Amino acid sequence: MQKKDLEEMDPEARRYFDTLPASLREQLMQSGVKMTTREQLESYCVNVLRQHGNGIRL
């Protein structure tokens, strides 16, 4: 995900993104994956939490 992708997000996705912990937002930005909907963001976050379990630092 790049900064320009934030501008292309639908409003609901952007509001959701803005509520995420800073570490997860940073991880999304570094992922390189383009996400424009809340559903895409939620799916990504669920997968991250599954992979890292309780060890993720949010």
N, C-alpha and C. Protein backbone atom coordinates (compact mmCIF):
# COMPACT_ATOMS: atom_id res chain seq x y z
N MET A 1 0.85 -1.16 0.00
CA MET A 1 0.00 0.00 0.00
C MET A 1 0.90 1.23 0.00
N GLN A 2 0.51 2.20 -0.79
CA GLN A 2 1.26 3.45 -0.87
C GLN A 2 0.37 4.60 -0.39
N LYS A 3 0.99 5.74 -0.14
CA LYS A 3 0.21 6.89 0.35
C LYS A 3 -0.91 7.26 -0.61
N LYS A 4 -0.66 7.15 -1.91
CA LYS A 4 -1.71 7.50 -2.87
C LYS A 4 -2.90 6.56 -2.75
N ASP A 5 -2.65 5.32 -2.28
CA ASP A 5 -3.75 4.37 -2.08
C ASP A 5 -4.69 4.85 -0.98
N LEU A 6 -4.16 5.56 0.00
CA LEU A 6 -5.01 6.10 1.07
C LEU A 6 -6.03 7.07 0.49
N GLU A 7 -5.62 7.84 -0.48
CA GLU A 7 -6.51 8.81 -1.11
C GLU A 7 -7.57 8.13 -1.97
N GLU A 8 -7.27 6.91 -2.46
CA GLU A 8 -8.19 6.20 -3.32
C GLU A 8 -9.14 5.28 -2.55
N MET A 9 -8.92 5.14 -1.25
CA MET A 9 -9.80 4.30 -0.44
C MET A 9 -11.19 4.89 -0.38
N ASP A 10 -12.19 4.00 -0.30
CA ASP A 10 -13.52 4.53 -0.08
C ASP A 10 -13.57 5.10 1.35
N PRO A 11 -14.49 6.02 1.61
CA PRO A 11 -14.51 6.70 2.91
C PRO A 11 -14.62 5.75 4.11
N GLU A 12 -15.41 4.71 3.98
CA GLU A 12 -15.55 3.76 5.09
C GLU A 12 -14.24 3.04 5.37
N ALA A 13 -13.52 2.68 4.32
CA ALA A 13 -12.22 2.01 4.48
C ALA A 13 -11.22 2.96 5.14
N ARG A 14 -11.24 4.21 4.75
CA ARG A 14 -10.30 5.18 5.33
C ARG A 14 -10.57 5.40 6.81
N ARG A 15 -11.85 5.49 7.17
CA ARG A 15 -12.19 5.65 8.59
C ARG A 15 -11.72 4.44 9.39
N TYR A 16 -11.90 3.24 8.83
CA TYR A 16 -11.44 2.03 9.50
C TYR A 16 -9.92 2.04 9.63
N PHE A 17 -9.23 2.36 8.55
CA PHE A 17 -7.77 2.41 8.56
C PHE A 17 -7.28 3.36 9.65
N ASP A 18 -7.91 4.51 9.76
CA ASP A 18 -7.50 5.51 10.74
C ASP A 18 -7.68 5.05 12.19
N THR A 19 -8.54 4.05 12.43
CA THR A 19 -8.76 3.55 13.79
C THR A 19 -7.79 2.44 14.17
N LEU A 20 -7.06 1.92 13.20
CA LEU A 20 -6.14 0.81 13.49
C LEU A 20 -4.95 1.30 14.31
N PRO A 21 -4.38 0.41 15.11
CA PRO A 21 -3.15 0.78 15.84
C PRO A 21 -2.05 1.18 14.86
N ALA A 22 -1.20 2.08 15.29
CA ALA A 22 -0.13 2.61 14.43
C ALA A 22 0.74 1.51 13.84
N SER A 23 1.05 0.48 14.64
CA SER A 23 1.92 -0.58 14.13
C SER A 23 1.26 -1.36 13.00
N LEU A 24 -0.05 -1.54 13.08
CA LEU A 24 -0.75 -2.25 12.01
C LEU A 24 -0.89 -1.38 10.77
N ARG A 25 -1.13 -0.09 10.97
CA ARG A 25 -1.16 0.83 9.82
C ARG A 25 0.18 0.83 9.10
N GLU A 26 1.26 0.85 9.86
CA GLU A 26 2.60 0.84 9.27
C GLU A 26 2.84 -0.46 8.50
N GLN A 27 2.41 -1.56 9.07
CA GLN A 27 2.57 -2.85 8.39
C GLN A 27 1.79 -2.87 7.09
N LEU A 28 0.60 -2.31 7.10
CA LEU A 28 -0.19 -2.22 5.87
C LEU A 28 0.53 -1.38 4.83
N MET A 29 1.09 -0.26 5.25
CA MET A 29 1.79 0.62 4.32
C MET A 29 3.01 -0.06 3.72
N GLN A 30 3.67 -0.89 4.50
CA GLN A 30 4.87 -1.57 4.02
C GLN A 30 4.55 -2.83 3.22
N SER A 31 3.32 -3.28 3.27
CA SER A 31 2.96 -4.54 2.61
C SER A 31 3.04 -4.47 1.09
N GLY A 32 2.82 -3.29 0.53
CA GLY A 32 2.83 -3.17 -0.92
C GLY A 32 1.54 -3.61 -1.57
N VAL A 33 0.57 -4.04 -0.77
CA VAL A 33 -0.71 -4.52 -1.29
C VAL A 33 -1.67 -3.34 -1.38
N LYS A 34 -2.37 -3.23 -2.50
CA LYS A 34 -3.34 -2.15 -2.66
C LYS A 34 -4.69 -2.62 -2.11
N MET A 35 -5.22 -1.86 -1.19
CA MET A 35 -6.53 -2.16 -0.61
C MET A 35 -7.35 -0.89 -0.63
N THR A 36 -8.57 -1.01 -1.12
CA THR A 36 -9.42 0.17 -1.24
C THR A 36 -10.75 0.05 -0.52
N THR A 37 -11.06 -1.14 0.02
CA THR A 37 -12.33 -1.32 0.71
C THR A 37 -12.10 -1.74 2.16
N ARG A 38 -13.10 -1.49 2.98
CA ARG A 38 -13.01 -1.90 4.38
C ARG A 38 -12.89 -3.41 4.48
N GLU A 39 -13.60 -4.13 3.64
CA GLU A 39 -13.56 -5.58 3.66
C GLU A 39 -12.14 -6.10 3.41
N GLN A 40 -11.44 -5.50 2.47
CA GLN A 40 -10.06 -5.90 2.19
C GLN A 40 -9.17 -5.63 3.40
N LEU A 41 -9.34 -4.48 4.02
CA LEU A 41 -8.54 -4.14 5.20
C LEU A 41 -8.83 -5.09 6.35
N GLU A 42 -10.11 -5.37 6.59
CA GLU A 42 -10.47 -6.28 7.68
C GLU A 42 -9.89 -7.67 7.45
N SER A 43 -9.97 -8.14 6.22
CA SER A 43 -9.42 -9.46 5.90
C SER A 43 -7.92 -9.51 6.16
N TYR A 44 -7.22 -8.47 5.74
CA TYR A 44 -5.78 -8.39 5.97
C TYR A 44 -5.48 -8.42 7.46
N CYS A 45 -6.20 -7.63 8.23
CA CYS A 45 -5.96 -7.54 9.68
C CYS A 45 -6.24 -8.88 10.36
N VAL A 46 -7.30 -9.54 9.97
CA VAL A 46 -7.62 -10.86 10.54
C VAL A 46 -6.48 -11.84 10.25
N ASN A 47 -5.99 -11.83 9.03
CA ASN A 47 -4.89 -12.74 8.67
C ASN A 47 -3.62 -12.44 9.48
N VAL A 48 -3.32 -11.17 9.67
CA VAL A 48 -2.14 -10.79 10.45
C VAL A 48 -2.29 -11.30 11.88
N LEU A 49 -3.45 -11.09 12.46
CA LEU A 49 -3.68 -11.53 13.83
C LEU A 49 -3.60 -13.05 13.96
N ARG A 50 -4.09 -13.75 12.95
CA ARG A 50 -4.00 -15.22 12.97
C ARG A 50 -2.55 -15.69 12.89
N GLN A 51 -1.77 -15.04 12.06
CA GLN A 51 -0.37 -15.42 11.88
C GLN A 51 0.46 -15.13 13.12
N HIS A 52 0.19 -14.01 13.76
CA HIS A 52 1.02 -13.57 14.86
C HIS A 52 0.42 -13.86 16.23
N GLY A 53 -0.86 -14.24 16.22
CA GLY A 53 -1.52 -14.56 17.49
C GLY A 53 -1.42 -13.43 18.48
N ASN A 54 -1.23 -13.79 19.71
CA ASN A 54 -1.15 -12.79 20.78
C ASN A 54 0.19 -12.07 20.79
N GLY A 55 1.13 -12.52 19.97
CA GLY A 55 2.46 -11.92 19.98
C GLY A 55 2.57 -10.63 19.21
N ILE A 56 1.53 -10.27 18.46
CA ILE A 56 1.60 -9.04 17.67
C ILE A 56 1.55 -7.83 18.60
N ARG A 57 2.33 -6.86 18.27
CA ARG A 57 2.36 -5.63 19.07
C ARG A 57 1.52 -4.58 18.37
N LEU A 58 0.32 -4.37 18.88
CA LEU A 58 -0.58 -3.39 18.26
C LEU A 58 -0.61 -2.12 19.01
